[in-house]
C-alpha atoms as a PDB file:
ATOM      1  CA  MET A   1     -64.461  60.220  73.864  1.00  0.00           C
ATOM      2  CA  VAL A   2     -67.753  58.530  74.316  1.00  0.00           C
ATOM      3  CA  LYS A   3     -69.334  57.821  77.679  1.00  0.00           C
ATOM      4  CA  SER A   4     -67.774  54.345  77.881  1.00  0.00           C
ATOM      5  CA  GLY A   5     -64.235  55.832  77.847  1.00  0.00           C
ATOM      6  CA  ILE A   6     -63.283  54.600  74.362  1.00  0.00           C
ATOM      7  CA  ALA A   7     -61.855  57.141  71.943  1.00  0.00           C
ATOM      8  CA  LYS A   8     -64.314  57.932  69.165  1.00  0.00           C
ATOM      9  CA  PHE A   9     -61.946  58.871  66.316  1.00  0.00           C
ATOM     10  CA  VAL A  10     -58.811  56.775  66.808  1.00  0.00           C
ATOM     11  CA  VAL A  11     -57.706  56.647  63.196  1.00  0.00           C
ATOM     12  CA  LEU A  12     -58.570  60.240  62.255  1.00  0.00           C
ATOM     13  CA  PRO A  13     -55.359  61.904  63.576  1.00  0.00           C
ATOM     14  CA  LYS A  14     -53.192  59.330  61.759  1.00  0.00           C
ATOM     15  CA  LEU A  15     -55.154  59.865  58.562  1.00  0.00           C
ATOM     16  CA  VAL A  16     -54.802  63.653  58.761  1.00  0.00           C
ATOM     17  CA  LYS A  17     -51.045  63.421  59.406  1.00  0.00           C
ATOM     18  CA  SER A  18     -50.658  61.027  56.480  1.00  0.00           C
ATOM     19  CA  LEU A  19     -52.611  63.311  54.173  1.00  0.00           C
ATOM     20  CA  LEU A  20     -50.641  66.376  55.247  1.00  0.00           C
ATOM     21  CA  SER A  21     -47.359  64.593  54.577  1.00  0.00           C
ATOM     22  CA  LEU A  22     -48.297  64.050  50.925  1.00  0.00           C
ATOM     23  CA  SER A  23     -46.886  66.361  48.304  1.00  0.00           C
ATOM     24  CA  HIS A  24     -49.018  69.430  47.642  1.00  0.00           C
ATOM     25  CA  GLY A  25     -47.857  69.983  44.113  1.00  0.00           C
ATOM     26  CA  ASN A  26     -46.100  68.607  41.097  1.00  0.00           C
ATOM     27  CA  ALA A  27     -42.919  70.646  41.458  1.00  0.00           C
ATOM     28  CA  ASP A  28     -40.682  67.599  41.945  1.00  0.00           C
ATOM     29  CA  VAL A  29     -42.210  65.807  38.988  1.00  0.00           C
ATOM     30  CA  GLU A  30     -41.999  68.900  36.783  1.00  0.00           C
ATOM     31  CA  ARG A  31     -38.381  69.431  37.850  1.00  0.00           C
ATOM     32  CA  GLY A  32     -37.623  65.846  36.825  1.00  0.00           C
ATOM     33  CA  PHE A  33     -39.207  66.429  33.417  1.00  0.00           C
ATOM     34  CA  SER A  34     -37.134  69.583  32.982  1.00  0.00           C
ATOM     35  CA  GLN A  35     -33.953  67.714  33.868  1.00  0.00           C
ATOM     36  CA  ASN A  36     -34.830  64.969  31.390  1.00  0.00           C
ATOM     37  CA  ALA A  37     -35.520  67.550  28.689  1.00  0.00           C
ATOM     38  CA  ALA A  38     -32.129  69.134  29.351  1.00  0.00           C
ATOM     39  CA  LEU A  39     -30.446  65.732  29.003  1.00  0.00           C
ATOM     40  CA  ILE A  40     -32.199  64.824  25.750  1.00  0.00           C
ATOM     41  CA  THR A  41     -30.731  67.051  23.076  1.00  0.00           C
ATOM     42  CA  ASP A  42     -30.852  66.680  19.299  1.00  0.00           C
ATOM     43  CA  ASP A  43     -27.580  64.746  19.493  1.00  0.00           C
ATOM     44  CA  ARG A  44     -29.059  62.314  22.028  1.00  0.00           C
ATOM     45  CA  SER A  45     -32.645  61.992  20.828  1.00  0.00           C
ATOM     46  CA  SER A  46     -32.648  58.190  20.989  1.00  0.00           C
ATOM     47  CA  ILE A  47     -31.170  57.907  24.486  1.00  0.00           C
ATOM     48  CA  SER A  48     -32.647  55.092  26.585  1.00  0.00           C
ATOM     49  CA  ASP A  49     -34.392  55.413  29.931  1.00  0.00           C
ATOM     50  CA  ILE A  50     -31.518  53.579  31.595  1.00  0.00           C
ATOM     51  CA  SER A  51     -29.009  56.093  30.246  1.00  0.00           C
ATOM     52  CA  ILE A  52     -31.173  59.014  31.379  1.00  0.00           C
ATOM     53  CA  ASN A  53     -31.354  57.553  34.884  1.00  0.00           C
ATOM     54  CA  ARG A  54     -27.584  57.041  34.936  1.00  0.00           C
ATOM     55  CA  LEU A  55     -26.889  60.586  33.798  1.00  0.00           C
ATOM     56  CA  ARG A  56     -29.267  61.986  36.415  1.00  0.00           C
ATOM     57  CA  ALA A  57     -27.667  59.849  39.141  1.00  0.00           C
ATOM     58  CA  THR A  58     -24.217  61.112  38.136  1.00  0.00           C
ATOM     59  CA  LYS A  59     -25.412  64.710  38.158  1.00  0.00           C
ATOM     60  CA  ASP A  60     -27.031  64.237  41.585  1.00  0.00           C
ATOM     61  CA  ALA A  61     -23.835  62.692  42.961  1.00  0.00           C
ATOM     62  CA  VAL A  62     -21.779  65.641  41.726  1.00  0.00           C
ATOM     63  CA  LYS A  63     -24.275  68.028  43.340  1.00  0.00           C
ATOM     64  CA  PHE A  64     -24.020  66.071  46.587  1.00  0.00           C
ATOM     65  CA  TYR A  65     -20.258  66.594  46.787  1.00  0.00           C
ATOM     66  CA  ARG A  66     -19.033  70.184  47.006  1.00  0.00           C
ATOM     67  CA  ARG A  67     -22.224  71.770  45.673  1.00  0.00           C
ATOM     68  CA  GLY A  68     -21.841  70.707  42.073  1.00  0.00           C
ATOM     69  CA  LYS A  69     -18.180  71.519  41.560  1.00  0.00           C
ATOM     70  CA  VAL A  70     -16.993  68.590  39.491  1.00  0.00           C
ATOM     71  CA  HIS A  71     -13.319  69.258  40.086  1.00  0.00           C
ATOM     72  CA  GLU A  72     -13.852  68.985  43.868  1.00  0.00           C
ATOM     73  CA  VAL A  73     -15.477  65.545  43.845  1.00  0.00           C
ATOM     74  CA  PRO A  74     -13.242  63.306  45.951  1.00  0.00           C
ATOM     75  CA  ILE A  75     -11.582  60.566  43.904  1.00  0.00           C
ATOM     76  CA  CYS A  76     -11.062  57.574  46.149  1.00  0.00           C
ATOM     77  CA  LYS A  77     -10.248  53.925  45.601  1.00  0.00           C
ATOM     78  CA  GLY A  78     -13.894  52.934  46.061  1.00  0.00           C
ATOM     79  CA  LEU A  79     -14.999  55.334  43.326  1.00  0.00           C
ATOM     80  CA  LEU A  80     -12.327  54.057  40.946  1.00  0.00           C
ATOM     81  CA  ASP A  81     -13.305  50.454  41.685  1.00  0.00           C
ATOM     82  CA  ASN A  82     -16.954  51.302  41.005  1.00  0.00           C
ATOM     83  CA  VAL A  83     -16.020  52.948  37.708  1.00  0.00           C
ATOM     84  CA  LYS A  84     -13.990  49.901  36.647  1.00  0.00           C
ATOM     85  CA  GLU A  85     -16.833  47.579  37.596  1.00  0.00           C
ATOM     86  CA  ALA A  86     -19.363  49.746  35.757  1.00  0.00           C
ATOM     87  CA  HIS A  87     -17.168  49.756  32.662  1.00  0.00           C
ATOM     88  CA  SER A  88     -16.837  45.969  32.804  1.00  0.00           C
ATOM     89  CA  ARG A  89     -20.616  45.590  33.116  1.00  0.00           C
ATOM     90  CA  TYR A  90     -21.053  48.014  30.209  1.00  0.00           C
ATOM     91  CA  GLN A  91     -18.695  45.972  28.021  1.00  0.00           C
ATOM     92  CA  VAL A  92     -20.500  42.740  28.895  1.00  0.00           C
ATOM     93  CA  ASP A  93     -23.834  44.414  28.154  1.00  0.00           C
ATOM     94  CA  GLN A  94     -22.538  45.653  24.799  1.00  0.00           C
ATOM     95  CA  GLU A  95     -21.267  42.165  23.908  1.00  0.00           C
ATOM     96  CA  ILE A  96     -24.635  40.644  24.802  1.00  0.00           C
ATOM     97  CA  THR A  97     -26.437  43.299  22.767  1.00  0.00           C
ATOM     98  CA  GLN A  98     -24.187  42.667  19.758  1.00  0.00           C
ATOM     99  CA  ARG A  99     -24.692  38.914  20.069  1.00  0.00           C
ATOM    100  CA  ILE A 100     -28.464  39.366  20.214  1.00  0.00           C
ATOM    101  CA  LEU A 101     -28.365  41.623  17.148  1.00  0.00           C
ATOM    102  CA  LYS A 102     -26.302  39.065  15.230  1.00  0.00           C
ATOM    103  CA  GLU A 103     -28.697  36.292  16.245  1.00  0.00           C
ATOM    104  CA  LYS A 104     -31.665  38.376  15.095  1.00  0.00           C
ATOM    105  CA  GLU A 105     -29.942  39.094  11.792  1.00  0.00           C
ATOM    106  CA  ALA A 106     -29.240  35.380  11.345  1.00  0.00           C
ATOM    107  CA  ILE A 107     -32.872  34.542  12.088  1.00  0.00           C
ATOM    108  CA  VAL A 108     -34.087  37.163   9.612  1.00  0.00           C
ATOM    109  CA  ALA A 109     -31.657  35.888   6.967  1.00  0.00           C
ATOM    110  CA  ALA A 110     -32.757  32.293   7.562  1.00  0.00           C
ATOM    111  CA  ALA A 111     -36.415  33.305   7.345  1.00  0.00           C
ATOM    112  CA  LYS A 112     -35.748  35.178   4.118  1.00  0.00           C
ATOM    113  CA  LEU A 113     -33.888  32.183   2.696  1.00  0.00           C
ATOM    114  CA  THR A 114     -36.722  29.869   3.718  1.00  0.00           C
ATOM    115  CA  LYS A 115     -39.283  32.182   2.131  1.00  0.00           C
ATOM    116  CA  ASN A 116     -37.259  32.363  -1.092  1.00  0.00           C
ATOM    117  CA  LYS A 117     -36.928  28.581  -1.114  1.00  0.00           C
ATOM    118  CA  GLN A 118     -40.656  28.218  -0.526  1.00  0.00           C
ATOM    119  CA  LEU A 119     -41.429  30.614  -3.394  1.00  0.00           C
ATOM    120  CA  PHE A 120     -39.057  28.658  -5.637  1.00  0.00           C
ATOM    121  CA  LEU A 121     -40.747  25.375  -4.717  1.00  0.00           C
ATOM    122  CA  VAL A 122     -44.213  26.825  -5.331  1.00  0.00           C
ATOM    123  CA  GLU A 123     -43.067  28.085  -8.726  1.00  0.00           C
ATOM    124  CA  LYS A 124     -41.510  24.708  -9.533  1.00  0.00           C
ATOM    125  CA  GLU A 125     -44.721  22.946  -8.488  1.00  0.00           C
ATOM    126  CA  GLN A 126     -46.754  25.215 -10.761  1.00  0.00           C
ATOM    127  CA  ASN A 127     -44.397  24.467 -13.674  1.00  0.00           C
ATOM    128  CA  LEU A 128     -44.781  20.734 -13.064  1.00  0.00           C
ATOM    129  CA  ILE A 129     -48.566  21.088 -12.972  1.00  0.00           C
ATOM    130  CA  ASP A 130     -48.462  22.991 -16.260  1.00  0.00           C
ATOM    131  CA  GLN A 131     -46.217  20.313 -17.813  1.00  0.00           C
ATOM    132  CA  ARG A 132     -48.576  17.602 -16.585  1.00  0.00           C
ATOM    133  CA  LYS A 133     -51.517  19.376 -18.246  1.00  0.00           C
ATOM    134  CA  ILE A 134     -49.599  19.632 -21.508  1.00  0.00           C
ATOM    135  CA  LEU A 135     -48.612  15.962 -21.357  1.00  0.00           C
ATOM    136  CA  GLN A 136     -52.188  14.997 -20.467  1.00  0.00           C
ATOM    137  CA  GLU A 137     -53.467  16.920 -23.503  1.00  0.00           C
ATOM    138  CA  ASP A 138     -50.830  15.277 -25.714  1.00  0.00           C
ATOM    139  CA  LEU A 139     -51.883  11.860 -24.398  1.00  0.00           C
ATOM    140  CA  GLU A 140     -55.547  12.591 -25.079  1.00  0.00           C
ATOM    141  CA  ASN A 141     -54.749  13.835 -28.596  1.00  0.00           C
ATOM    142  CA  SER A 142     -52.608  10.768 -29.275  1.00  0.00           C
ATOM    143  CA  SER A 143     -55.355   8.481 -27.959  1.00  0.00           C
ATOM    144  CA  LYS A 144     -57.934  10.180 -30.217  1.00  0.00           C
ATOM    145  CA  MET A 145     -55.673   9.856 -33.238  1.00  0.00           C
ATOM    146  CA  LEU A 146     -55.087   6.183 -32.461  1.00  0.00           C
ATOM    147  CA  ASN A 147     -58.817   5.531 -32.067  1.00  0.00           C
ATOM    148  CA  GLU A 148     -59.581   7.346 -35.335  1.00  0.00           C
ATOM    149  CA  GLY A 149     -56.919   5.296 -37.133  1.00  0.00           C
ATOM    150  CA  ASN A 150     -58.448   2.003 -36.008  1.00  0.00           C
END
C-alpha cells in the first residue's frame, strides 16, 4: 500500500494465480497425439479428423463408465436413441456425400465433353481454313489462265 491507502499492485495477485493455473507441460497434448497414433493404423490411414474425434469420444465415454470395461457400460433407452439418431445422421451424410460425388463426376464429364467438342470445332475450323486457301489458290490460278487466254 502507498501512503494514500490505495493498493499498489492490485492486478499482480490475479496475474500470478492465472499464470500458475496454466499447464506446465505438454503431457496432455502428447497423450492426445499418442492416442491419435494408436487409432490411425495401416488399415485406417485415410481416416478423417471427424472420425478420429468420434473414436476418441467413444473411448473416453467407455473409460468414464466402469473404468473402461466395455461390457459394463449401462445400455439405456437414451443411449439407444442416441445411437439410432447418430446412425440416421450418418446415413444422411453418406447420401449427401454420394450425391456430391455424382455431381462432381457429372461436372467433370461435362467439362471433358465440352473440351472435346471445342477441340473438334477448332480442328474443323482449321480444315475449313485450309480448304479456303486451296480454293483461293484455284481461283487465282483460274483467273491467271483466263487472263492469259484473252
